[in-house]
Every structure is written in C-alpha cells, then in structure tokens.
Amino acid sequence: MNIDKQLVRQRFGRNLATYHEQAVVQRDIADTLASALLAACPAPRIRRAMEIGIGTGFLSRHLLAAYPAAEWHINDITPETFRWIDELSHNGPIHYHPGDAETIPYPEHLDLIASASAVQWFDDIPSFLAKAHAALAPGGILAVSTFGPENFVEIRRILDRGLEYPTLDTLRQWAIQANYSILHAHDWTRRLTLSSPLDVLRHIKKTGVNGTRAETWNRHTLADFHTSYRTSYADPEGNVPLSYHPIVLILQK
C-alpha cells in the first residue's frame, strides 16, 4: 500500500509527548536493537553514522552514548523530534536531515546506519536496503528494527486494513538480494493487555501509529469495533490484547 507520509508526519508531530510516555514497546525494541548492534559493532569502528527516524530518541540515547565521538547524521520526517537529540550529551558533530528517508539523499561512506521502528512506514523496503547499502562504507553496518505480520493483528482482522508487514524470512531474502551479510536476525511477539477496545484505540492514537489513513469514527463505528473486539479477544475479566511483532536485523555490507 502507498502510505500517506504527510498524515504520518502530522500524527507523530501531534503526539510526540504522549509517544514518549506511552510507546513502551518501541522503547524496549530500541533497547534490544542497541544491544544487538553493540554486540556486533564495537565503538572504534564507528566514525561516521546516520540514524533514520529518530522519534523521541529511544535508540539515539544508546547510539550517542556508545559512539560519542562519531559524526552523526540525524533524520526524521517530523522535524519537531530533533529537540530530543539536543537534550542528549554528545561530543561529535550532529547534522540534521529532515524529511522522508525514502527520498532524501544520504551522506556517503557511513560506518553505520541505524533505525528503530521506522521502516514499516516505507513504501519500498527493498529499495531502502539498496539505498542504505550504497551509502555505507565497505564493512559498514545497517541496524534496523521493524514489525512482522502479527503486528496489530487484532485490529487488522476486525477492520480489514492496516500496514502490510513482511515476514522475517522475506526481510532476510531482501537483505541477501541487496548484498548484505546477515550478522543477526530475530523476531518475537509481545502482547499488551488493555482494559477495553477503546483503550486500544487510545493507545495507538497516543503513540501516533495510526497514520495509515484518515479514519472517521462515529458512535456506530466505535460501537461495532468495540463489540467485535470484545467478542473476538476479551478474556473473562473483559481485558483485551494488542499484539506487537518486532523484528531486529543487523546487516553488514
């Protein structure tokens, strides 16, 4: 599907503060991605690096602490995010690149490109992998987290729409086709437990991840969603799940 990038930018921009508080899964994913990256890539190798889709700095705080002397290039489609970087300590220079990471030019000869929970918004992940490969120096690292097919599966089954998520095997195939070596690749699922289907909608709104289309809710559509979600997924206490399906990849040129 073609994603409305302007809608994504607007919704993340409006919800940055609540995202930072509510996006507990994305924070944990950034922690996991950083751990996998640091195991694969020691600090002395990273002199010039780029982070794509910084959000509120969940991954950035790890990167700037691990590679403090590197020259950093920072990107996000929502420029308001850059203020979170200004609050983090760093020694090396930082260059800001606002805009859609699928279309903006990348710096050359990068030792590292990293991105947490952003590339699922891209229209063409294989083209992104090729673009990143061209920007990396020989031996450079691409460290990425995204999401798999079980992500938000409850919502997508009820509404019959949402992002199209590749499997881990598909991502591996795309990486090999783009001439990467795979240093690390794994996925897992995590289910949040929320009090009601309406809390599910509040959660995704507060984390800004409802940017695929402009949704118009009314009393009837909300009631139908609430009934379908509870009928399909509620436990005996009335709580309902929301599934996340993170994927982490560490690739080398």
C-alpha atoms as a PDB file:
ATOM      1  CA  MET A   1       0.000   0.000   0.000  1.00  0.00           C
ATOM      2  CA  ASN A   2       1.091   3.595  -0.545  1.00  0.00           C
ATOM      3  CA  ILE A   3       1.395   5.316   2.810  1.00  0.00           C
ATOM      4  CA  ASP A   4       0.250   8.906   3.318  1.00  0.00           C
ATOM      5  CA  LYS A   5       3.560  10.291   4.583  1.00  0.00           C
ATOM      6  CA  GLN A   6       2.033  13.694   5.292  1.00  0.00           C
ATOM      7  CA  LEU A   7      -0.509  12.060   7.585  1.00  0.00           C
ATOM      8  CA  VAL A   8       2.248  10.093   9.312  1.00  0.00           C
ATOM      9  CA  ARG A   9       4.222  13.299   9.901  1.00  0.00           C
ATOM     10  CA  GLN A  10       1.176  15.159  11.243  1.00  0.00           C
ATOM     11  CA  ARG A  11       0.082  12.432  13.623  1.00  0.00           C
ATOM     12  CA  PHE A  12       3.520  11.788  15.042  1.00  0.00           C
ATOM     13  CA  GLY A  13       4.068  15.525  15.365  1.00  0.00           C
ATOM     14  CA  ARG A  14       0.853  15.951  17.348  1.00  0.00           C
ATOM     15  CA  ASN A  15       1.581  13.031  19.645  1.00  0.00           C
ATOM     16  CA  LEU A  16       5.311  13.275  20.387  1.00  0.00           C
ATOM     17  CA  ALA A  17       4.872  13.907  24.114  1.00  0.00           C
ATOM     18  CA  THR A  18       2.421  11.062  24.610  1.00  0.00           C
ATOM     19  CA  TYR A  19       4.512   8.832  22.344  1.00  0.00           C
ATOM     20  CA  HIS A  20       7.491   9.286  24.638  1.00  0.00           C
ATOM     21  CA  GLU A  21       5.348   8.232  27.607  1.00  0.00           C
ATOM     22  CA  GLN A  22       3.158   5.551  26.042  1.00  0.00           C
ATOM     23  CA  ALA A  23       5.399   3.796  23.489  1.00  0.00           C
ATOM     24  CA  VAL A  24       6.725   1.224  25.951  1.00  0.00           C
ATOM     25  CA  VAL A  25       7.078  -1.481  23.306  1.00  0.00           C
ATOM     26  CA  GLN A  26       9.020   0.787  20.945  1.00  0.00           C
ATOM     27  CA  ARG A  27      11.320   1.757  23.817  1.00  0.00           C
ATOM     28  CA  ASP A  28      12.019  -1.908  24.567  1.00  0.00           C
ATOM     29  CA  ILE A  29      12.605  -2.618  20.876  1.00  0.00           C
ATOM     30  CA  ALA A  30      15.179   0.181  20.718  1.00  0.00           C
ATOM     31  CA  ASP A  31      16.916  -1.306  23.757  1.00  0.00           C
ATOM     32  CA  THR A  32      17.017  -4.729  22.086  1.00  0.00           C
ATOM     33  CA  LEU A  33      18.271  -3.305  18.788  1.00  0.00           C
ATOM     34  CA  ALA A  34      21.003  -1.368  20.576  1.00  0.00           C
ATOM     35  CA  SER A  35      22.154  -4.474  22.452  1.00  0.00           C
ATOM     36  CA  ALA A  36      22.360  -6.488  19.227  1.00  0.00           C
ATOM     37  CA  LEU A  37      24.211  -3.664  17.476  1.00  0.00           C
ATOM     38  CA  LEU A  38      26.755  -3.171  20.256  1.00  0.00           C
ATOM     39  CA  ALA A  39      27.476  -6.890  20.304  1.00  0.00           C
ATOM     40  CA  ALA A  40      28.186  -6.789  16.567  1.00  0.00           C
ATOM     41  CA  CYS A  41      29.918  -3.443  16.214  1.00  0.00           C
ATOM     42  CA  PRO A  42      32.499  -2.068  18.697  1.00  0.00           C
ATOM     43  CA  ALA A  43      32.877   1.675  19.140  1.00  0.00           C
ATOM     44  CA  PRO A  44      36.237   2.305  17.417  1.00  0.00           C
ATOM     45  CA  ARG A  45      34.789   1.270  14.052  1.00  0.00           C
ATOM     46  CA  ILE A  46      32.094   3.953  14.037  1.00  0.00           C
ATOM     47  CA  ARG A  47      33.383   7.315  12.875  1.00  0.00           C
ATOM     48  CA  ARG A  48      30.512   8.458  10.659  1.00  0.00           C
ATOM     49  CA  ALA A  49      26.913   7.356  11.209  1.00  0.00           C
ATOM     50  CA  MET A  50      23.264   8.072  10.467  1.00  0.00           C
ATOM     51  CA  GLU A  51      20.049   7.388  12.381  1.00  0.00           C
ATOM     52  CA  ILE A  52      16.806   7.290  10.422  1.00  0.00           C
ATOM     53  CA  GLY A  53      13.505   8.087  12.107  1.00  0.00           C
ATOM     54  CA  ILE A  54      14.820   9.179  15.488  1.00  0.00           C
ATOM     55  CA  GLY A  55      11.400   9.716  17.100  1.00  0.00           C
ATOM     56  CA  THR A  56      11.910  10.837  20.690  1.00  0.00           C
ATOM     57  CA  GLY A  57      15.375   9.349  20.976  1.00  0.00           C
ATOM     58  CA  PHE A  58      14.777   5.828  22.308  1.00  0.00           C
ATOM     59  CA  LEU A  59      17.593   4.483  20.122  1.00  0.00           C
ATOM     60  CA  SER A  60      19.516   7.765  19.911  1.00  0.00           C
ATOM     61  CA  ARG A  61      20.397   7.755  23.603  1.00  0.00           C
ATOM     62  CA  HIS A  62      22.106   4.373  23.148  1.00  0.00           C
ATOM     63  CA  LEU A  63      23.878   5.384  19.935  1.00  0.00           C
ATOM     64  CA  LEU A  64      25.245   8.692  21.181  1.00  0.00           C
ATOM     65  CA  ALA A  65      26.438   7.065  24.411  1.00  0.00           C
ATOM     66  CA  ALA A  66      28.080   4.133  22.616  1.00  0.00           C
ATOM     67  CA  TYR A  67      29.672   6.181  19.816  1.00  0.00           C
ATOM     68  CA  PRO A  68      30.112   9.655  21.347  1.00  0.00           C
ATOM     69  CA  ALA A  69      32.941  10.783  19.073  1.00  0.00           C
ATOM     70  CA  ALA A  70      31.220   9.829  15.811  1.00  0.00           C
ATOM     71  CA  GLU A  71      29.963  12.353  13.299  1.00  0.00           C
ATOM     72  CA  TRP A  72      26.189  11.864  13.400  1.00  0.00           C
ATOM     73  CA  HIS A  73      23.602  12.478  10.697  1.00  0.00           C
ATOM     74  CA  ILE A  74      20.087  12.536  12.163  1.00  0.00           C
ATOM     75  CA  ASN A  75      16.841  12.125  10.212  1.00  0.00           C
ATOM     76  CA  ASP A  76      13.125  12.216  10.901  1.00  0.00           C
ATOM     77  CA  ILE A  77      10.080  13.049   8.810  1.00  0.00           C
ATOM     78  CA  THR A  78       8.857  15.115  11.787  1.00  0.00           C
ATOM     79  CA  PRO A  79      11.458  17.847  12.470  1.00  0.00           C
ATOM     80  CA  GLU A  80       9.982  18.540  15.915  1.00  0.00           C
ATOM     81  CA  THR A  81      11.730  15.353  17.063  1.00  0.00           C
ATOM     82  CA  PHE A  82      15.155  16.981  16.830  1.00  0.00           C
ATOM     83  CA  ARG A  83      14.694  18.703  20.186  1.00  0.00           C
ATOM     84  CA  TRP A  84      15.031  15.326  21.902  1.00  0.00           C
ATOM     85  CA  ILE A  85      18.516  14.941  20.423  1.00  0.00           C
ATOM     86  CA  ASP A  86      19.536  18.357  21.739  1.00  0.00           C
ATOM     87  CA  GLU A  87      18.846  17.076  25.262  1.00  0.00           C
ATOM     88  CA  LEU A  88      21.298  14.168  24.889  1.00  0.00           C
ATOM     89  CA  SER A  89      25.004  14.551  25.590  1.00  0.00           C
ATOM     90  CA  HIS A  90      27.424  14.012  22.724  1.00  0.00           C
ATOM     91  CA  ASN A  91      30.935  15.012  21.691  1.00  0.00           C
ATOM     92  CA  GLY A  92      30.967  14.700  17.910  1.00  0.00           C
ATOM     93  CA  PRO A  93      29.181  16.910  15.371  1.00  0.00           C
ATOM     94  CA  ILE A  94      25.499  16.325  14.585  1.00  0.00           C
ATOM     95  CA  HIS A  95      23.921  17.146  11.217  1.00  0.00           C
ATOM     96  CA  TYR A  96      20.134  17.253  10.854  1.00  0.00           C
ATOM     97  CA  HIS A  97      18.338  15.869   7.782  1.00  0.00           C
ATOM     98  CA  PRO A  98      14.558  16.428   7.998  1.00  0.00           C
ATOM     99  CA  GLY A  99      12.303  14.690   5.511  1.00  0.00           C
ATOM    100  CA  ASP A 100      11.184  11.360   4.112  1.00  0.00           C
ATOM    101  CA  ALA A 101      14.086   8.906   4.428  1.00  0.00           C
ATOM    102  CA  GLU A 102      12.980   7.175   1.222  1.00  0.00           C
ATOM    103  CA  THR A 103      13.587  10.315  -0.838  1.00  0.00           C
ATOM    104  CA  ILE A 104      16.256  12.457   0.853  1.00  0.00           C
ATOM    105  CA  PRO A 105      19.912  11.915  -0.135  1.00  0.00           C
ATOM    106  CA  TYR A 106      22.124  10.063   2.348  1.00  0.00           C
ATOM    107  CA  PRO A 107      25.681  11.034   3.256  1.00  0.00           C
ATOM    108  CA  GLU A 108      28.371   8.818   1.768  1.00  0.00           C
ATOM    109  CA  HIS A 109      30.915   6.468   3.375  1.00  0.00           C
ATOM    110  CA  LEU A 110      28.891   5.802   6.523  1.00  0.00           C
ATOM    111  CA  ASP A 111      30.114   3.218   9.004  1.00  0.00           C
ATOM    112  CA  LEU A 112      26.633   2.769  10.445  1.00  0.00           C
ATOM    113  CA  ILE A 113      23.004   3.363   9.524  1.00  0.00           C
ATOM    114  CA  ALA A 114      20.526   2.633  12.313  1.00  0.00           C
ATOM    115  CA  SER A 115      16.748   2.848  12.507  1.00  0.00           C
ATOM    116  CA  ALA A 116      14.264   1.709  15.163  1.00  0.00           C
ATOM    117  CA  SER A 117      10.558   1.225  14.423  1.00  0.00           C
ATOM    118  CA  ALA A 118      10.505   3.436  11.332  1.00  0.00           C
ATOM    119  CA  VAL A 119      10.953   1.433   8.117  1.00  0.00           C
ATOM    120  CA  GLN A 120       7.494  -0.162   8.419  1.00  0.00           C
ATOM    121  CA  TRP A 121       6.262   3.232   7.156  1.00  0.00           C
ATOM    122  CA  PHE A 122       8.300   2.916   3.949  1.00  0.00           C
ATOM    123  CA  ASP A 123       6.625   2.157   0.627  1.00  0.00           C
ATOM    124  CA  ASP A 124       9.577   0.125  -0.697  1.00  0.00           C
ATOM    125  CA  ILE A 125      11.820  -1.577   1.865  1.00  0.00           C
ATOM    126  CA  PRO A 126      13.987  -3.383  -0.755  1.00  0.00           C
ATOM    127  CA  SER A 127      14.802  -0.013  -2.351  1.00  0.00           C
ATOM    128  CA  PHE A 128      15.690   1.374   1.081  1.00  0.00           C
ATOM    129  CA  LEU A 129      18.035  -1.559   1.683  1.00  0.00           C
ATOM    130  CA  ALA A 130      19.765  -0.851  -1.628  1.00  0.00           C
ATOM    131  CA  LYS A 131      19.965   2.880  -0.897  1.00  0.00           C
ATOM    132  CA  ALA A 132      21.496   2.241   2.526  1.00  0.00           C
ATOM    133  CA  HIS A 133      23.956  -0.253   1.033  1.00  0.00           C
ATOM    134  CA  ALA A 134      25.168   2.378  -1.439  1.00  0.00           C
ATOM    135  CA  ALA A 135      25.697   4.894   1.387  1.00  0.00           C
ATOM    136  CA  LEU A 136      27.669   2.521   3.607  1.00  0.00           C
ATOM    137  CA  ALA A 137      31.427   2.212   3.530  1.00  0.00           C
ATOM    138  CA  PRO A 138      32.819  -1.300   2.928  1.00  0.00           C
ATOM    139  CA  GLY A 139      32.120  -3.317   6.046  1.00  0.00           C
ATOM    140  CA  GLY A 140      29.501  -0.793   7.211  1.00  0.00           C
ATOM    141  CA  ILE A 141      26.562  -1.855   9.352  1.00  0.00           C
ATOM    142  CA  LEU A 142      22.824  -1.437   8.846  1.00  0.00           C
ATOM    143  CA  ALA A 143      20.937  -1.972  12.127  1.00  0.00           C
ATOM    144  CA  VAL A 144      17.150  -1.946  11.763  1.00  0.00           C
ATOM    145  CA  SER A 145      14.047  -2.870  13.693  1.00  0.00           C
ATOM    146  CA  THR A 146      10.639  -3.147  12.070  1.00  0.00           C
ATOM    147  CA  PHE A 147       7.498  -5.258  12.524  1.00  0.00           C
ATOM    148  CA  GLY A 148       6.183  -8.571  11.228  1.00  0.00           C
ATOM    149  CA  PRO A 149       2.770  -9.877  10.129  1.00  0.00           C
ATOM    150  CA  GLU A 150       1.372 -10.436  13.631  1.00  0.00           C
ATOM    151  CA  ASN A 151       1.708  -6.741  14.466  1.00  0.00           C
ATOM    152  CA  PHE A 152      -1.677  -5.261  15.451  1.00  0.00           C
ATOM    153  CA  VAL A 153      -3.226  -8.444  14.099  1.00  0.00           C
ATOM    154  CA  GLU A 154      -6.372  -7.968  16.186  1.00  0.00           C
ATOM    155  CA  ILE A 155      -7.116  -4.552  14.697  1.00  0.00           C
ATOM    156  CA  ARG A 156      -6.305  -5.614  11.159  1.00  0.00           C
ATOM    157  CA  ARG A 157      -8.614  -8.628  11.356  1.00  0.00           C
ATOM    158  CA  ILE A 158     -11.530  -6.548  12.602  1.00  0.00           C
ATOM    159  CA  LEU A 159     -11.072  -3.533  10.306  1.00  0.00           C
ATOM    160  CA  ASP A 160      -9.590  -5.487   7.366  1.00  0.00           C
ATOM    161  CA  ARG A 161      -6.917  -2.875   6.757  1.00  0.00           C
ATOM    162  CA  GLY A 162      -3.546  -1.707   8.028  1.00  0.00           C
ATOM    163  CA  LEU A 163       0.111  -1.805   7.106  1.00  0.00           C
ATOM    164  CA  GLU A 164       1.470  -4.759   5.149  1.00  0.00           C
ATOM    165  CA  TYR A 165       4.296  -6.287   7.186  1.00  0.00           C
ATOM    166  CA  PRO A 166       6.948  -8.605   5.692  1.00  0.00           C
ATOM    167  CA  THR A 167       7.990 -11.789   7.447  1.00  0.00           C
ATOM    168  CA  LEU A 168      11.455 -12.253   8.912  1.00  0.00           C
ATOM    169  CA  ASP A 169      12.256 -14.712   6.110  1.00  0.00           C
ATOM    170  CA  THR A 170      11.226 -12.146   3.492  1.00  0.00           C
ATOM    171  CA  LEU A 171      13.427  -9.497   5.107  1.00  0.00           C
ATOM    172  CA  ARG A 172      16.337 -11.945   5.128  1.00  0.00           C
ATOM    173  CA  GLN A 173      15.816 -12.613   1.412  1.00  0.00           C
ATOM    174  CA  TRP A 174      15.681  -8.898   0.619  1.00  0.00           C
ATOM    175  CA  ALA A 175      18.877  -8.329   2.610  1.00  0.00           C
ATOM    176  CA  ILE A 176      20.720 -11.085   0.736  1.00  0.00           C
ATOM    177  CA  GLN A 177      19.474  -9.753  -2.607  1.00  0.00           C
ATOM    178  CA  ALA A 178      20.865  -6.333  -1.627  1.00  0.00           C
ATOM    179  CA  ASN A 179      24.290  -7.954  -0.994  1.00  0.00           C
ATOM    180  CA  TYR A 180      24.341  -7.797   2.801  1.00  0.00           C
ATOM    181  CA  SER A 181      25.746 -10.368   5.148  1.00  0.00           C
ATOM    182  CA  ILE A 182      23.304 -11.104   7.981  1.00  0.00           C
ATOM    183  CA  LEU A 183      25.009 -10.798  11.359  1.00  0.00           C
ATOM    184  CA  HIS A 184      21.870 -11.045  13.481  1.00  0.00           C
ATOM    185  CA  ALA A 185      18.169 -11.577  12.790  1.00  0.00           C
ATOM    186  CA  HIS A 186      15.341 -12.448  15.126  1.00  0.00           C
ATOM    187  CA  ASP A 187      11.710 -11.701  15.847  1.00  0.00           C
ATOM    188  CA  TRP A 188       9.355 -12.080  18.793  1.00  0.00           C
ATOM    189  CA  THR A 189       5.835 -11.187  19.827  1.00  0.00           C
ATOM    190  CA  ARG A 190       4.624  -9.094  22.731  1.00  0.00           C
ATOM    191  CA  ARG A 191       1.019  -8.639  23.755  1.00  0.00           C
ATOM    192  CA  LEU A 192      -0.137  -5.668  25.743  1.00  0.00           C
ATOM    193  CA  THR A 193      -3.210  -6.182  27.913  1.00  0.00           C
ATOM    194  CA  LEU A 194      -5.625  -3.253  27.885  1.00  0.00           C
ATOM    195  CA  SER A 195      -8.874  -2.671  29.698  1.00  0.00           C
ATOM    196  CA  SER A 196     -11.135  -2.254  26.669  1.00  0.00           C
ATOM    197  CA  PRO A 197     -11.156  -1.933  22.867  1.00  0.00           C
ATOM    198  CA  LEU A 198     -11.467   1.838  23.303  1.00  0.00           C
ATOM    199  CA  ASP A 199      -8.218   1.765  25.290  1.00  0.00           C
ATOM    200  CA  VAL A 200      -6.640   0.017  22.289  1.00  0.00           C
ATOM    201  CA  LEU A 201      -7.645   2.960  20.098  1.00  0.00           C
ATOM    202  CA  ARG A 202      -6.388   5.449  22.683  1.00  0.00           C
ATOM    203  CA  HIS A 203      -3.053   3.628  22.860  1.00  0.00           C
ATOM    204  CA  ILE A 204      -2.414   3.693  19.135  1.00  0.00           C
ATOM    205  CA  LYS A 205      -3.510   7.343  18.933  1.00  0.00           C
ATOM    206  CA  LYS A 206      -1.178   8.396  21.753  1.00  0.00           C
ATOM    207  CA  THR A 207       1.730   6.584  20.103  1.00  0.00           C
ATOM    208  CA  GLY A 208       0.991   8.124  16.698  1.00  0.00           C
ATOM    209  CA  VAL A 209       0.913   4.762  14.930  1.00  0.00           C
ATOM    210  CA  ASN A 210      -2.494   5.315  13.333  1.00  0.00           C
ATOM    211  CA  GLY A 211      -1.064   7.173  10.359  1.00  0.00           C
ATOM    212  CA  THR A 212      -2.019   4.848   7.513  1.00  0.00           C
ATOM    213  CA  ARG A 213      -5.241   6.690   6.658  1.00  0.00           C
ATOM    214  CA  ALA A 214      -7.509   9.445   7.909  1.00  0.00           C
ATOM    215  CA  GLU A 215     -10.056   7.458   9.918  1.00  0.00           C
ATOM    216  CA  THR A 216     -13.508   8.868  10.665  1.00  0.00           C
ATOM    217  CA  TRP A 217     -15.089   7.325  13.733  1.00  0.00           C
ATOM    218  CA  ASN A 218     -18.661   7.856  14.834  1.00  0.00           C
ATOM    219  CA  ARG A 219     -20.885   6.358  17.512  1.00  0.00           C
ATOM    220  CA  HIS A 220     -21.896   3.421  15.331  1.00  0.00           C
ATOM    221  CA  THR A 221     -18.438   2.501  14.021  1.00  0.00           C
ATOM    222  CA  LEU A 222     -16.970   2.752  17.516  1.00  0.00           C
ATOM    223  CA  ALA A 223     -19.734   0.534  18.896  1.00  0.00           C
ATOM    224  CA  ASP A 224     -19.174  -2.044  16.134  1.00  0.00           C
ATOM    225  CA  PHE A 225     -15.420  -2.035  16.739  1.00  0.00           C
ATOM    226  CA  HIS A 226     -15.914  -2.382  20.499  1.00  0.00           C
ATOM    227  CA  THR A 227     -18.323  -5.287  20.130  1.00  0.00           C
ATOM    228  CA  SER A 228     -16.231  -7.148  17.541  1.00  0.00           C
ATOM    229  CA  TYR A 229     -13.006  -6.731  19.513  1.00  0.00           C
ATOM    230  CA  ARG A 230     -14.553  -7.915  22.784  1.00  0.00           C
ATOM    231  CA  THR A 231     -16.320 -10.829  21.123  1.00  0.00           C
ATOM    232  CA  SER A 232     -13.129 -11.991  19.436  1.00  0.00           C
ATOM    233  CA  TYR A 233     -10.475 -11.307  22.075  1.00  0.00           C
ATOM    234  CA  ALA A 234     -11.745 -10.384  25.554  1.00  0.00           C
ATOM    235  CA  ASP A 235     -10.686 -12.549  28.485  1.00  0.00           C
ATOM    236  CA  PRO A 236     -13.109 -13.465  31.316  1.00  0.00           C
ATOM    237  CA  GLU A 237     -12.263 -10.192  33.104  1.00  0.00           C
ATOM    238  CA  GLY A 238     -13.034  -8.161  29.981  1.00  0.00           C
ATOM    239  CA  ASN A 239      -9.424  -7.229  29.212  1.00  0.00           C
ATOM    240  CA  VAL A 240      -8.262  -7.340  25.592  1.00  0.00           C
ATOM    241  CA  PRO A 241      -4.847  -7.888  23.938  1.00  0.00           C
ATOM    242  CA  LEU A 242      -2.916  -5.822  21.412  1.00  0.00           C
ATOM    243  CA  SER A 243      -0.121  -7.683  19.656  1.00  0.00           C
ATOM    244  CA  TYR A 244       3.260  -6.343  18.602  1.00  0.00           C
ATOM    245  CA  HIS A 245       5.615  -8.367  16.381  1.00  0.00           C
ATOM    246  CA  PRO A 246       9.092  -6.758  16.403  1.00  0.00           C
ATOM    247  CA  ILE A 247      11.925  -7.797  14.092  1.00  0.00           C
ATOM    248  CA  VAL A 248      15.596  -6.877  14.569  1.00  0.00           C
ATOM    249  CA  LEU A 249      18.223  -7.125  11.815  1.00  0.00           C
ATOM    250  CA  ILE A 250      21.953  -6.384  11.935  1.00  0.00           C
ATOM    251  CA  LEU A 251      23.381  -6.408   8.407  1.00  0.00           C
ATOM    252  CA  GLN A 252      26.875  -5.795   7.057  1.00  0.00           C
ATOM    253  CA  LYS A 253      27.921  -4.525   3.653  1.00  0.00           C
END
